[in-house]
């Protein structure tokens, strides 16, 4: 590994001068600008990387951010990890990732995170805050959450504006002529919140404007498939002509249930999702959804690392409606769909 001492020997200068040139303090001892530039250029050419452990022993910042991921298998959070890695690289941060254990209600490797001198902790996912955070807050480690939660005012929070996203979907479906709507979701916190928001939006349209039937299924197995299968057992007078899934994964399961029932989307019913996860543009039909602003969420989280908690609640960023093929116009009559 290339060290500062190696660079010093190669250039015939002192190791202390190399150290000052690389950490930006060479001007304090009157070092020539040309010499500083030469040291930095040589370090780049040799691929020099600072030793993080040595820097921390000298009291320097660790340039390390801890990241807690709710579920590594979640494609939505997978995109978020990619954005975090890119932004961390640009800002010369290292990321220390660990998963969340729902059985213990804390990160699976919390103690390892606490052993590092973290610059900040980013929590990716909703409903993860708990007493396990107290150990980080007690060390004055800034904590930022990308997702929805309750309590812990010391945690800065940025999230997608679900009310905005659901209203975009609802307005689009109503404009297509649908009035009998369905909602399918699991019993998870984010899905319950989206159901409540949608019910509020429907009520605002008036008591007779929209008929909404909601099905909530335990979050095990394939809840999208089972929830849609339950909706399809309703008689024609109550069966929705358009279904809003609580997220894209639920919508993908719902597509399978429609296929198994010998029906098609959007001919027999329309379907929408939420999040715009990878792959939904390739489903048959391609899924209409709302795209979460993942890049903006991550950038906002990084900006919050240096901020003091404002007490003004979470920062909500608006999603974008993505219209594809899975939502068609309402058709009346039993022969031509709903």
C-alpha atoms as a PDB file:
ATOM      1  CA  UNK A   1       0.000   0.000   0.000  1.00  0.00           C
ATOM      2  CA  UNK A   2       1.287   3.474  -0.894  1.00  0.00           C
ATOM      3  CA  UNK A   3       2.057   5.485   2.253  1.00  0.00           C
ATOM      4  CA  UNK A   4       2.987   9.092   2.930  1.00  0.00           C
ATOM      5  CA  UNK A   5       6.493   7.928   3.853  1.00  0.00           C
ATOM      6  CA  UNK A   6       6.830   6.231   0.454  1.00  0.00           C
ATOM      7  CA  UNK A   7       5.754   9.427  -1.322  1.00  0.00           C
ATOM      8  CA  UNK A   8       8.235  11.435   0.778  1.00  0.00           C
ATOM      9  CA  UNK A   9      11.139   9.114  -0.117  1.00  0.00           C
ATOM     10  CA  UNK A  10      10.208   9.176  -3.794  1.00  0.00           C
ATOM     11  CA  UNK A  11      10.183  12.994  -3.895  1.00  0.00           C
ATOM     12  CA  UNK A  12      13.038  13.580  -1.451  1.00  0.00           C
ATOM     13  CA  UNK A  13      10.934  15.588   1.004  1.00  0.00           C
ATOM     14  CA  UNK A  14       9.944  15.088   4.614  1.00  0.00           C
ATOM     15  CA  UNK A  15       6.954  12.917   5.566  1.00  0.00           C
ATOM     16  CA  UNK A  16       5.542  15.826   7.574  1.00  0.00           C
ATOM     17  CA  UNK A  17       5.503  18.013   4.441  1.00  0.00           C
ATOM     18  CA  UNK A  18       3.679  15.278   2.521  1.00  0.00           C
ATOM     19  CA  UNK A  19       1.143  15.026   5.329  1.00  0.00           C
ATOM     20  CA  UNK A  20       0.529  18.778   5.355  1.00  0.00           C
ATOM     21  CA  UNK A  21       0.280  18.932   1.559  1.00  0.00           C
ATOM     22  CA  UNK A  22      -2.343  16.204   1.512  1.00  0.00           C
ATOM     23  CA  UNK A  23      -4.435  17.529   4.401  1.00  0.00           C
ATOM     24  CA  UNK A  24      -4.367  21.152   3.214  1.00  0.00           C
ATOM     25  CA  UNK A  25      -2.195  22.723   5.920  1.00  0.00           C
ATOM     26  CA  UNK A  26       1.119  23.139   4.010  1.00  0.00           C
ATOM     27  CA  UNK A  27       0.560  26.883   3.657  1.00  0.00           C
ATOM     28  CA  UNK A  28       0.912  27.271   7.439  1.00  0.00           C
ATOM     29  CA  UNK A  29       4.618  26.438   7.212  1.00  0.00           C
ATOM     30  CA  UNK A  30       5.232  28.450   4.041  1.00  0.00           C
ATOM     31  CA  UNK A  31       5.640  25.468   1.707  1.00  0.00           C
ATOM     32  CA  UNK A  32       6.052  26.391  -1.948  1.00  0.00           C
ATOM     33  CA  UNK A  33       2.851  26.019  -3.955  1.00  0.00           C
ATOM     34  CA  UNK A  34       4.706  24.177  -6.722  1.00  0.00           C
ATOM     35  CA  UNK A  35       5.979  21.602  -4.215  1.00  0.00           C
ATOM     36  CA  UNK A  36       2.479  21.068  -2.797  1.00  0.00           C
ATOM     37  CA  UNK A  37       1.056  20.544  -6.292  1.00  0.00           C
ATOM     38  CA  UNK A  38       3.819  18.034  -7.082  1.00  0.00           C
ATOM     39  CA  UNK A  39       3.123  16.065  -3.896  1.00  0.00           C
ATOM     40  CA  UNK A  40      -0.598  15.910  -4.606  1.00  0.00           C
ATOM     41  CA  UNK A  41      -0.050  14.923  -8.243  1.00  0.00           C
ATOM     42  CA  UNK A  42       2.321  12.135  -7.205  1.00  0.00           C
ATOM     43  CA  UNK A  43      -0.184  10.876  -4.619  1.00  0.00           C
ATOM     44  CA  UNK A  44      -2.869  10.695  -7.312  1.00  0.00           C
ATOM     45  CA  UNK A  45      -0.579   8.918  -9.770  1.00  0.00           C
ATOM     46  CA  UNK A  46       0.411   6.327  -7.176  1.00  0.00           C
ATOM     47  CA  UNK A  47      -3.181   5.751  -6.072  1.00  0.00           C
ATOM     48  CA  UNK A  48      -2.568   6.930  -2.514  1.00  0.00           C
ATOM     49  CA  UNK A  49      -5.523   6.416  -0.139  1.00  0.00           C
ATOM     50  CA  UNK A  50      -5.566   7.880   3.403  1.00  0.00           C
ATOM     51  CA  UNK A  51      -5.494   5.346   6.227  1.00  0.00           C
ATOM     52  CA  UNK A  52      -8.845   5.851   7.977  1.00  0.00           C
ATOM     53  CA  UNK A  53      -7.763   4.202  11.217  1.00  0.00           C
ATOM     54  CA  UNK A  54      -4.651   6.376  11.458  1.00  0.00           C
ATOM     55  CA  UNK A  55      -6.694   9.510  10.723  1.00  0.00           C
ATOM     56  CA  UNK A  56      -9.116   8.700  13.549  1.00  0.00           C
ATOM     57  CA  UNK A  57      -6.259   8.101  15.978  1.00  0.00           C
ATOM     58  CA  UNK A  58      -5.097  11.644  15.183  1.00  0.00           C
ATOM     59  CA  UNK A  59      -8.580  12.961  15.925  1.00  0.00           C
ATOM     60  CA  UNK A  60      -9.549  13.510  12.290  1.00  0.00           C
ATOM     61  CA  UNK A  61     -13.045  12.811  11.017  1.00  0.00           C
ATOM     62  CA  UNK A  62     -13.692   9.206  10.049  1.00  0.00           C
ATOM     63  CA  UNK A  63     -15.565  10.143   6.848  1.00  0.00           C
ATOM     64  CA  UNK A  64     -17.738   7.093   7.592  1.00  0.00           C
ATOM     65  CA  UNK A  65     -21.533   7.023   7.562  1.00  0.00           C
ATOM     66  CA  UNK A  66     -23.511   4.141   9.006  1.00  0.00           C
ATOM     67  CA  UNK A  67     -26.511   2.970   6.963  1.00  0.00           C
ATOM     68  CA  UNK A  68     -29.326   0.781   8.310  1.00  0.00           C
ATOM     69  CA  UNK A  69     -31.357  -0.939   5.569  1.00  0.00           C
ATOM     70  CA  UNK A  70     -34.843  -2.233   6.372  1.00  0.00           C
ATOM     71  CA  UNK A  71     -34.682  -5.032   3.787  1.00  0.00           C
ATOM     72  CA  UNK A  72     -31.841  -5.767   1.373  1.00  0.00           C
ATOM     73  CA  UNK A  73     -34.254  -7.702  -0.864  1.00  0.00           C
ATOM     74  CA  UNK A  74     -36.521  -4.681  -1.374  1.00  0.00           C
ATOM     75  CA  UNK A  75     -35.908  -3.384  -4.940  1.00  0.00           C
ATOM     76  CA  UNK A  76     -36.969   0.119  -3.917  1.00  0.00           C
ATOM     77  CA  UNK A  77     -34.304   0.210  -1.194  1.00  0.00           C
ATOM     78  CA  UNK A  78     -31.817  -1.377  -3.599  1.00  0.00           C
ATOM     79  CA  UNK A  79     -32.070   1.706  -5.812  1.00  0.00           C
ATOM     80  CA  UNK A  80     -31.624   3.865  -2.720  1.00  0.00           C
ATOM     81  CA  UNK A  81     -28.409   2.029  -1.762  1.00  0.00           C
ATOM     82  CA  UNK A  82     -27.039   2.692  -5.243  1.00  0.00           C
ATOM     83  CA  UNK A  83     -27.777   6.424  -4.927  1.00  0.00           C
ATOM     84  CA  UNK A  84     -26.212   6.507  -1.449  1.00  0.00           C
ATOM     85  CA  UNK A  85     -23.038   4.829  -2.692  1.00  0.00           C
ATOM     86  CA  UNK A  86     -22.648   7.257  -5.587  1.00  0.00           C
ATOM     87  CA  UNK A  87     -23.213  10.351  -3.449  1.00  0.00           C
ATOM     88  CA  UNK A  88     -20.895   9.051  -0.729  1.00  0.00           C
ATOM     89  CA  UNK A  89     -18.172   8.465  -3.326  1.00  0.00           C
ATOM     90  CA  UNK A  90     -18.508  12.015  -4.624  1.00  0.00           C
ATOM     91  CA  UNK A  91     -18.220  13.417  -1.096  1.00  0.00           C
ATOM     92  CA  UNK A  92     -15.357  11.069  -0.058  1.00  0.00           C
ATOM     93  CA  UNK A  93     -17.434   9.164   2.508  1.00  0.00           C
ATOM     94  CA  UNK A  94     -17.279   5.457   3.250  1.00  0.00           C
ATOM     95  CA  UNK A  95     -20.541   3.641   3.980  1.00  0.00           C
ATOM     96  CA  UNK A  96     -20.955   0.975   6.629  1.00  0.00           C
ATOM     97  CA  UNK A  97     -24.156  -0.955   5.835  1.00  0.00           C
ATOM     98  CA  UNK A  98     -26.171  -3.270   8.034  1.00  0.00           C
ATOM     99  CA  UNK A  99     -29.645  -4.776   7.858  1.00  0.00           C
ATOM    100  CA  UNK A 100     -32.568  -4.423  10.261  1.00  0.00           C
ATOM    101  CA  UNK A 101     -33.746  -7.418  12.293  1.00  0.00           C
ATOM    102  CA  UNK A 102     -37.543  -7.196  12.766  1.00  0.00           C
ATOM    103  CA  UNK A 103     -37.468  -9.878  15.465  1.00  0.00           C
ATOM    104  CA  UNK A 104     -35.173  -7.887  17.768  1.00  0.00           C
ATOM    105  CA  UNK A 105     -36.434  -4.502  16.587  1.00  0.00           C
ATOM    106  CA  UNK A 106     -32.944  -3.155  15.925  1.00  0.00           C
ATOM    107  CA  UNK A 107     -30.116  -3.366  13.371  1.00  0.00           C
ATOM    108  CA  UNK A 108     -28.560  -6.790  13.189  1.00  0.00           C
ATOM    109  CA  UNK A 109     -25.075  -5.307  13.631  1.00  0.00           C
ATOM    110  CA  UNK A 110     -25.783  -2.302  15.838  1.00  0.00           C
ATOM    111  CA  UNK A 111     -22.793  -2.908  18.130  1.00  0.00           C
ATOM    112  CA  UNK A 112     -20.399  -2.881  15.174  1.00  0.00           C
ATOM    113  CA  UNK A 113     -21.820   0.469  14.068  1.00  0.00           C
ATOM    114  CA  UNK A 114     -21.265   1.881  17.541  1.00  0.00           C
ATOM    115  CA  UNK A 115     -17.592   0.850  17.509  1.00  0.00           C
ATOM    116  CA  UNK A 116     -16.924   3.217  14.620  1.00  0.00           C
ATOM    117  CA  UNK A 117     -16.641   6.974  14.991  1.00  0.00           C
ATOM    118  CA  UNK A 118     -19.529   7.615  12.617  1.00  0.00           C
ATOM    119  CA  UNK A 119     -20.084  11.016  11.070  1.00  0.00           C
ATOM    120  CA  UNK A 120     -23.801  10.220  10.816  1.00  0.00           C
ATOM    121  CA  UNK A 121     -26.330   7.399  10.663  1.00  0.00           C
ATOM    122  CA  UNK A 122     -28.836   7.089   7.794  1.00  0.00           C
ATOM    123  CA  UNK A 123     -31.860   4.862   8.349  1.00  0.00           C
ATOM    124  CA  UNK A 124     -33.405   3.610   5.088  1.00  0.00           C
ATOM    125  CA  UNK A 125     -37.003   2.478   5.448  1.00  0.00           C
ATOM    126  CA  UNK A 126     -40.142   3.288   7.402  1.00  0.00           C
ATOM    127  CA  UNK A 127     -41.147   2.328  10.945  1.00  0.00           C
ATOM    128  CA  UNK A 128     -37.624   1.484  12.109  1.00  0.00           C
ATOM    129  CA  UNK A 129     -37.109   4.037  14.885  1.00  0.00           C
ATOM    130  CA  UNK A 130     -36.922   2.619  18.381  1.00  0.00           C
ATOM    131  CA  UNK A 131     -34.920   2.645  21.594  1.00  0.00           C
ATOM    132  CA  UNK A 132     -31.920   1.252  19.708  1.00  0.00           C
ATOM    133  CA  UNK A 133     -31.336   4.785  18.386  1.00  0.00           C
ATOM    134  CA  UNK A 134     -30.661   6.208  21.855  1.00  0.00           C
ATOM    135  CA  UNK A 135     -27.093   4.859  21.878  1.00  0.00           C
ATOM    136  CA  UNK A 136     -26.297   6.813  18.693  1.00  0.00           C
ATOM    137  CA  UNK A 137     -28.066   9.987  19.798  1.00  0.00           C
ATOM    138  CA  UNK A 138     -26.205   9.853  23.122  1.00  0.00           C
ATOM    139  CA  UNK A 139     -22.946  10.019  21.147  1.00  0.00           C
ATOM    140  CA  UNK A 140     -24.230  13.125  19.301  1.00  0.00           C
ATOM    141  CA  UNK A 141     -24.259  11.192  16.029  1.00  0.00           C
ATOM    142  CA  UNK A 142     -26.705  12.881  13.618  1.00  0.00           C
ATOM    143  CA  UNK A 143     -29.450  10.453  12.577  1.00  0.00           C
ATOM    144  CA  UNK A 144     -31.383  10.922   9.327  1.00  0.00           C
ATOM    145  CA  UNK A 145     -34.223   8.684   8.208  1.00  0.00           C
ATOM    146  CA  UNK A 146     -35.401   8.207   4.632  1.00  0.00           C
ATOM    147  CA  UNK A 147     -38.938   7.026   5.251  1.00  0.00           C
ATOM    148  CA  UNK A 148     -41.967   7.557   7.476  1.00  0.00           C
ATOM    149  CA  UNK A 149     -42.052   7.036  11.228  1.00  0.00           C
ATOM    150  CA  UNK A 150     -43.361   8.453  14.481  1.00  0.00           C
ATOM    151  CA  UNK A 151     -41.595   9.859  17.515  1.00  0.00           C
ATOM    152  CA  UNK A 152     -37.879  10.584  17.944  1.00  0.00           C
ATOM    153  CA  UNK A 153     -37.890  14.338  17.195  1.00  0.00           C
ATOM    154  CA  UNK A 154     -34.071  14.327  17.233  1.00  0.00           C
ATOM    155  CA  UNK A 155     -34.144  12.286  14.014  1.00  0.00           C
ATOM    156  CA  UNK A 156     -34.195  14.350  10.823  1.00  0.00           C
ATOM    157  CA  UNK A 157     -36.577  12.782   8.322  1.00  0.00           C
ATOM    158  CA  UNK A 158     -37.209  12.979   4.567  1.00  0.00           C
ATOM    159  CA  UNK A 159     -39.933  10.979   2.850  1.00  0.00           C
ATOM    160  CA  UNK A 160     -42.005  10.716  -0.311  1.00  0.00           C
ATOM    161  CA  UNK A 161     -45.252  12.692  -0.190  1.00  0.00           C
ATOM    162  CA  UNK A 162     -47.687   9.754  -0.287  1.00  0.00           C
ATOM    163  CA  UNK A 163     -50.741  12.019  -0.254  1.00  0.00           C
ATOM    164  CA  UNK A 164     -49.500  13.728  -3.403  1.00  0.00           C
ATOM    165  CA  UNK A 165     -48.738  10.427  -5.119  1.00  0.00           C
ATOM    166  CA  UNK A 166     -52.090   8.847  -4.286  1.00  0.00           C
ATOM    167  CA  UNK A 167     -53.933  11.953  -5.405  1.00  0.00           C
ATOM    168  CA  UNK A 168     -52.101  11.833  -8.746  1.00  0.00           C
ATOM    169  CA  UNK A 169     -53.193   8.223  -9.217  1.00  0.00           C
ATOM    170  CA  UNK A 170     -56.747   8.843  -8.038  1.00  0.00           C
ATOM    171  CA  UNK A 171     -57.237  11.834 -10.337  1.00  0.00           C
ATOM    172  CA  UNK A 172     -55.846   9.881 -13.295  1.00  0.00           C
ATOM    173  CA  UNK A 173     -58.153   6.901 -12.633  1.00  0.00           C
ATOM    174  CA  UNK A 174     -61.224   9.085 -12.133  1.00  0.00           C
ATOM    175  CA  UNK A 175     -60.442  10.983 -15.337  1.00  0.00           C
ATOM    176  CA  UNK A 176     -60.499   7.603 -17.117  1.00  0.00           C
ATOM    177  CA  UNK A 177     -64.098   7.175 -15.955  1.00  0.00           C
ATOM    178  CA  UNK A 178     -63.638   4.677 -13.113  1.00  0.00           C
ATOM    179  CA  UNK A 179     -65.866   5.027 -10.064  1.00  0.00           C
ATOM    180  CA  UNK A 180     -65.691   1.588  -8.400  1.00  0.00           C
ATOM    181  CA  UNK A 181     -62.169   1.424  -7.010  1.00  0.00           C
ATOM    182  CA  UNK A 182     -60.212  -1.126  -5.036  1.00  0.00           C
ATOM    183  CA  UNK A 183     -57.178  -0.856  -2.800  1.00  0.00           C
ATOM    184  CA  UNK A 184     -54.916  -3.788  -1.927  1.00  0.00           C
ATOM    185  CA  UNK A 185     -52.183  -3.660   0.691  1.00  0.00           C
ATOM    186  CA  UNK A 186     -50.474  -5.611   3.440  1.00  0.00           C
ATOM    187  CA  UNK A 187     -50.705  -4.923   7.152  1.00  0.00           C
ATOM    188  CA  UNK A 188     -47.342  -3.097   7.168  1.00  0.00           C
ATOM    189  CA  UNK A 189     -47.148   0.458   8.472  1.00  0.00           C
ATOM    190  CA  UNK A 190     -46.529   2.143   5.084  1.00  0.00           C
ATOM    191  CA  UNK A 191     -49.420   0.259   3.478  1.00  0.00           C
ATOM    192  CA  UNK A 192     -51.802   1.091   6.322  1.00  0.00           C
ATOM    193  CA  UNK A 193     -50.893   4.770   6.025  1.00  0.00           C
ATOM    194  CA  UNK A 194     -51.487   4.732   2.269  1.00  0.00           C
ATOM    195  CA  UNK A 195     -54.882   3.115   2.764  1.00  0.00           C
ATOM    196  CA  UNK A 196     -55.884   5.808   5.266  1.00  0.00           C
ATOM    197  CA  UNK A 197     -54.724   8.577   2.920  1.00  0.00           C
ATOM    198  CA  UNK A 198     -56.641   7.096  -0.013  1.00  0.00           C
ATOM    199  CA  UNK A 199     -59.811   6.751   2.070  1.00  0.00           C
ATOM    200  CA  UNK A 200     -59.504  10.416   3.059  1.00  0.00           C
ATOM    201  CA  UNK A 201     -59.040  11.472  -0.566  1.00  0.00           C
ATOM    202  CA  UNK A 202     -62.085   9.455  -1.615  1.00  0.00           C
ATOM    203  CA  UNK A 203     -64.215  11.024   1.125  1.00  0.00           C
ATOM    204  CA  UNK A 204     -63.190  14.477  -0.104  1.00  0.00           C
ATOM    205  CA  UNK A 205     -64.725  13.650  -3.475  1.00  0.00           C
ATOM    206  CA  UNK A 206     -68.150  13.249  -1.855  1.00  0.00           C
ATOM    207  CA  UNK A 207     -70.120  10.320  -0.416  1.00  0.00           C
ATOM    208  CA  UNK A 208     -71.478   9.107  -3.784  1.00  0.00           C
ATOM    209  CA  UNK A 209     -68.688  10.055  -6.195  1.00  0.00           C
ATOM    210  CA  UNK A 210     -66.490   7.000  -5.621  1.00  0.00           C
ATOM    211  CA  UNK A 211     -67.034   3.515  -4.216  1.00  0.00           C
ATOM    212  CA  UNK A 212     -63.860   2.163  -2.578  1.00  0.00           C
ATOM    213  CA  UNK A 213     -63.309  -1.423  -1.474  1.00  0.00           C
ATOM    214  CA  UNK A 214     -60.071  -2.023   0.457  1.00  0.00           C
ATOM    215  CA  UNK A 215     -58.463  -5.388   1.183  1.00  0.00           C
ATOM    216  CA  UNK A 216     -55.586  -5.712   3.672  1.00  0.00           C
ATOM    217  CA  UNK A 217     -53.610  -8.976   3.839  1.00  0.00           C
ATOM    218  CA  UNK A 218     -50.848 -10.062   6.284  1.00  0.00           C
ATOM    219  CA  UNK A 219     -47.420  -9.312   4.845  1.00  0.00           C
ATOM    220  CA  UNK A 220     -46.370 -12.931   4.280  1.00  0.00           C
ATOM    221  CA  UNK A 221     -45.977 -14.924   1.106  1.00  0.00           C
ATOM    222  CA  UNK A 222     -47.460 -13.053  -1.853  1.00  0.00           C
ATOM    223  CA  UNK A 223     -49.951 -10.596  -0.365  1.00  0.00           C
ATOM    224  CA  UNK A 224     -50.612  -8.911  -3.715  1.00  0.00           C
ATOM    225  CA  UNK A 225     -51.813 -12.140  -5.287  1.00  0.00           C
ATOM    226  CA  UNK A 226     -54.020 -13.071  -2.326  1.00  0.00           C
ATOM    227  CA  UNK A 227     -55.502  -9.586  -1.917  1.00  0.00           C
ATOM    228  CA  UNK A 228     -56.418  -9.313  -5.592  1.00  0.00           C
ATOM    229  CA  UNK A 229     -57.839 -12.838  -5.587  1.00  0.00           C
ATOM    230  CA  UNK A 230     -60.106 -11.768  -2.727  1.00  0.00           C
ATOM    231  CA  UNK A 231     -61.288  -8.695  -4.636  1.00  0.00           C
ATOM    232  CA  UNK A 232     -62.099 -10.846  -7.670  1.00  0.00           C
ATOM    233  CA  UNK A 233     -64.495 -12.993  -5.618  1.00  0.00           C
ATOM    234  CA  UNK A 234     -66.851 -10.012  -5.188  1.00  0.00           C
ATOM    235  CA  UNK A 235     -70.024 -10.014  -7.255  1.00  0.00           C
ATOM    236  CA  UNK A 236     -70.178  -7.749 -10.291  1.00  0.00           C
ATOM    237  CA  UNK A 237     -72.054  -4.925  -8.557  1.00  0.00           C
ATOM    238  CA  UNK A 238     -69.228  -4.474  -6.021  1.00  0.00           C
ATOM    239  CA  UNK A 239     -66.182  -5.535  -8.015  1.00  0.00           C
ATOM    240  CA  UNK A 240     -63.784  -2.632  -8.708  1.00  0.00           C
ATOM    241  CA  UNK A 241     -63.040  -1.557 -12.260  1.00  0.00           C
ATOM    242  CA  UNK A 242     -59.687  -0.117 -11.151  1.00  0.00           C
ATOM    243  CA  UNK A 243     -57.376  -1.209  -8.342  1.00  0.00           C
ATOM    244  CA  UNK A 244     -54.683   0.831  -6.620  1.00  0.00           C
ATOM    245  CA  UNK A 245     -51.958  -1.364  -5.116  1.00  0.00           C
ATOM    246  CA  UNK A 246     -50.103  -0.080  -2.060  1.00  0.00           C
ATOM    247  CA  UNK A 247     -46.812  -0.551  -3.902  1.00  0.00           C
ATOM    248  CA  UNK A 248     -45.440  -2.046  -7.106  1.00  0.00           C
ATOM    249  CA  UNK A 249     -44.641  -5.421  -5.530  1.00  0.00           C
ATOM    250  CA  UNK A 250     -48.298  -5.767  -4.547  1.00  0.00           C
ATOM    251  CA  UNK A 251     -49.300  -4.813  -8.095  1.00  0.00           C
ATOM    252  CA  UNK A 252     -47.043  -7.493  -9.602  1.00  0.00           C
ATOM    253  CA  UNK A 253     -48.698 -10.133  -7.412  1.00  0.00           C
ATOM    254  CA  UNK A 254     -52.089  -8.747  -8.426  1.00  0.00           C
ATOM    255  CA  UNK A 255     -51.228  -9.174 -12.103  1.00  0.00           C
ATOM    256  CA  UNK A 256     -50.690 -12.883 -11.465  1.00  0.00           C
ATOM    257  CA  UNK A 257     -54.049 -13.186  -9.699  1.00  0.00           C
ATOM    258  CA  UNK A 258     -55.823 -11.523 -12.633  1.00  0.00           C
ATOM    259  CA  UNK A 259     -54.084 -13.904 -15.045  1.00  0.00           C
ATOM    260  CA  UNK A 260     -55.009 -16.936 -12.923  1.00  0.00           C
ATOM    261  CA  UNK A 261     -58.642 -15.793 -12.994  1.00  0.00           C
ATOM    262  CA  UNK A 262     -58.635 -15.812 -16.807  1.00  0.00           C
ATOM    263  CA  UNK A 263     -58.817 -12.022 -17.001  1.00  0.00           C
ATOM    264  CA  UNK A 264     -56.519  -9.348 -18.394  1.00  0.00           C
ATOM    265  CA  UNK A 265     -55.295  -5.890 -17.434  1.00  0.00           C
ATOM    266  CA  UNK A 266     -56.436  -3.311 -18.493  1.00  0.00           C
ATOM    267  CA  UNK A 267     -59.288  -4.899 -20.509  1.00  0.00           C
ATOM    268  CA  UNK A 268     -61.064  -6.416 -17.502  1.00  0.00           C
ATOM    269  CA  UNK A 269     -59.783  -4.026 -14.869  1.00  0.00           C
ATOM    270  CA  UNK A 270     -57.178  -1.313 -14.505  1.00  0.00           C
ATOM    271  CA  UNK A 271     -54.272  -1.514 -12.061  1.00  0.00           C
ATOM    272  CA  UNK A 272     -51.732   0.933 -10.634  1.00  0.00           C
ATOM    273  CA  UNK A 273     -48.777   0.684  -8.261  1.00  0.00           C
ATOM    274  CA  UNK A 274     -46.520   2.979  -6.267  1.00  0.00           C
ATOM    275  CA  UNK A 275     -42.701   3.505  -6.287  1.00  0.00           C
ATOM    276  CA  UNK A 276     -41.718   2.631  -9.899  1.00  0.00           C
ATOM    277  CA  UNK A 277     -39.338  -0.139  -8.874  1.00  0.00           C
ATOM    278  CA  UNK A 278     -37.020  -1.713 -11.496  1.00  0.00           C
ATOM    279  CA  UNK A 279     -38.886  -4.079 -13.781  1.00  0.00           C
ATOM    280  CA  UNK A 280     -42.403  -2.641 -13.715  1.00  0.00           C
ATOM    281  CA  UNK A 281     -41.857  -1.041 -17.108  1.00  0.00           C
ATOM    282  CA  UNK A 282     -41.359  -4.611 -18.421  1.00  0.00           C
ATOM    283  CA  UNK A 283     -44.417  -6.298 -16.904  1.00  0.00           C
ATOM    284  CA  UNK A 284     -47.257  -7.239 -19.240  1.00  0.00           C
ATOM    285  CA  UNK A 285     -48.843  -4.783 -19.353  1.00  0.00           C
ATOM    286  CA  UNK A 286     -46.304  -2.185 -18.228  1.00  0.00           C
ATOM    287  CA  UNK A 287     -47.416  -0.762 -14.883  1.00  0.00           C
ATOM    288  CA  UNK A 288     -48.791   2.730 -14.350  1.00  0.00           C
ATOM    289  CA  UNK A 289     -47.349   3.983 -11.064  1.00  0.00           C
ATOM    290  CA  UNK A 290     -45.850   6.975  -9.272  1.00  0.00           C
ATOM    291  CA  UNK A 291     -42.082   7.361  -9.227  1.00  0.00           C
ATOM    292  CA  UNK A 292     -40.492   8.119  -5.883  1.00  0.00           C
ATOM    293  CA  UNK A 293     -37.758  10.799  -6.147  1.00  0.00           C
ATOM    294  CA  UNK A 294     -35.026   8.524  -4.792  1.00  0.00           C
ATOM    295  CA  UNK A 295     -32.105  10.688  -5.910  1.00  0.00           C
ATOM    296  CA  UNK A 296     -33.640  13.787  -4.334  1.00  0.00           C
ATOM    297  CA  UNK A 297     -34.438  11.852  -1.135  1.00  0.00           C
ATOM    298  CA  UNK A 298     -30.816  10.753  -0.780  1.00  0.00           C
ATOM    299  CA  UNK A 299     -29.445  14.237  -1.534  1.00  0.00           C
ATOM    300  CA  UNK A 300     -31.781  15.732   1.063  1.00  0.00           C
ATOM    301  CA  UNK A 301     -30.659  13.137   3.624  1.00  0.00           C
ATOM    302  CA  UNK A 302     -27.008  14.041   3.050  1.00  0.00           C
ATOM    303  CA  UNK A 303     -27.814  17.750   3.432  1.00  0.00           C
ATOM    304  CA  UNK A 304     -29.603  17.048   6.723  1.00  0.00           C
ATOM    305  CA  UNK A 305     -26.520  15.426   8.215  1.00  0.00           C
ATOM    306  CA  UNK A 306     -25.078  18.879   8.937  1.00  0.00           C
ATOM    307  CA  UNK A 307     -28.371  20.418  10.096  1.00  0.00           C
ATOM    308  CA  UNK A 308     -29.819  20.806  13.542  1.00  0.00           C
ATOM    309  CA  UNK A 309     -33.265  19.211  14.062  1.00  0.00           C
ATOM    310  CA  UNK A 310     -35.830  21.862  13.132  1.00  0.00           C
ATOM    311  CA  UNK A 311     -38.864  20.439  14.914  1.00  0.00           C
ATOM    312  CA  UNK A 312     -40.907  21.252  11.799  1.00  0.00           C
ATOM    313  CA  UNK A 313     -41.705  17.671  10.904  1.00  0.00           C
ATOM    314  CA  UNK A 314     -40.457  15.615   7.970  1.00  0.00           C
ATOM    315  CA  UNK A 315     -39.457  17.006   4.611  1.00  0.00           C
ATOM    316  CA  UNK A 316     -41.850  15.556   2.024  1.00  0.00           C
ATOM    317  CA  UNK A 317     -40.794  15.387  -1.621  1.00  0.00           C
ATOM    318  CA  UNK A 318     -43.343  15.035  -4.402  1.00  0.00           C
ATOM    319  CA  UNK A 319     -43.391  11.939  -6.622  1.00  0.00           C
ATOM    320  CA  UNK A 320     -44.092  11.835 -10.364  1.00  0.00           C
ATOM    321  CA  UNK A 321     -46.964  10.102 -12.170  1.00  0.00           C
ATOM    322  CA  UNK A 322     -45.691   7.526 -14.686  1.00  0.00           C
ATOM    323  CA  UNK A 323     -48.410   6.539 -17.161  1.00  0.00           C
ATOM    324  CA  UNK A 324     -47.945   3.197 -18.913  1.00  0.00           C
ATOM    325  CA  UNK A 325     -50.351   0.509 -20.150  1.00  0.00           C
ATOM    326  CA  UNK A 326     -52.043  -0.987 -17.084  1.00  0.00           C
ATOM    327  CA  UNK A 327     -54.765   1.631 -16.642  1.00  0.00           C
ATOM    328  CA  UNK A 328     -57.397   1.971 -19.363  1.00  0.00           C
ATOM    329  CA  UNK A 329     -60.684   3.797 -19.722  1.00  0.00           C
ATOM    330  CA  UNK A 330     -63.765   2.506 -17.956  1.00  0.00           C
ATOM    331  CA  UNK A 331     -65.947   0.190 -20.052  1.00  0.00           C
ATOM    332  CA  UNK A 332     -69.556  -0.518 -19.124  1.00  0.00           C
ATOM    333  CA  UNK A 333     -71.326  -3.801 -19.770  1.00  0.00           C
ATOM    334  CA  UNK A 334     -70.458  -7.381 -18.858  1.00  0.00           C
ATOM    335  CA  UNK A 335     -69.213  -8.243 -22.346  1.00  0.00           C
ATOM    336  CA  UNK A 336     -66.652  -5.473 -22.631  1.00  0.00           C
ATOM    337  CA  UNK A 337     -65.309  -5.325 -19.084  1.00  0.00           C
ATOM    338  CA  UNK A 338     -66.473  -3.145 -16.249  1.00  0.00           C
END
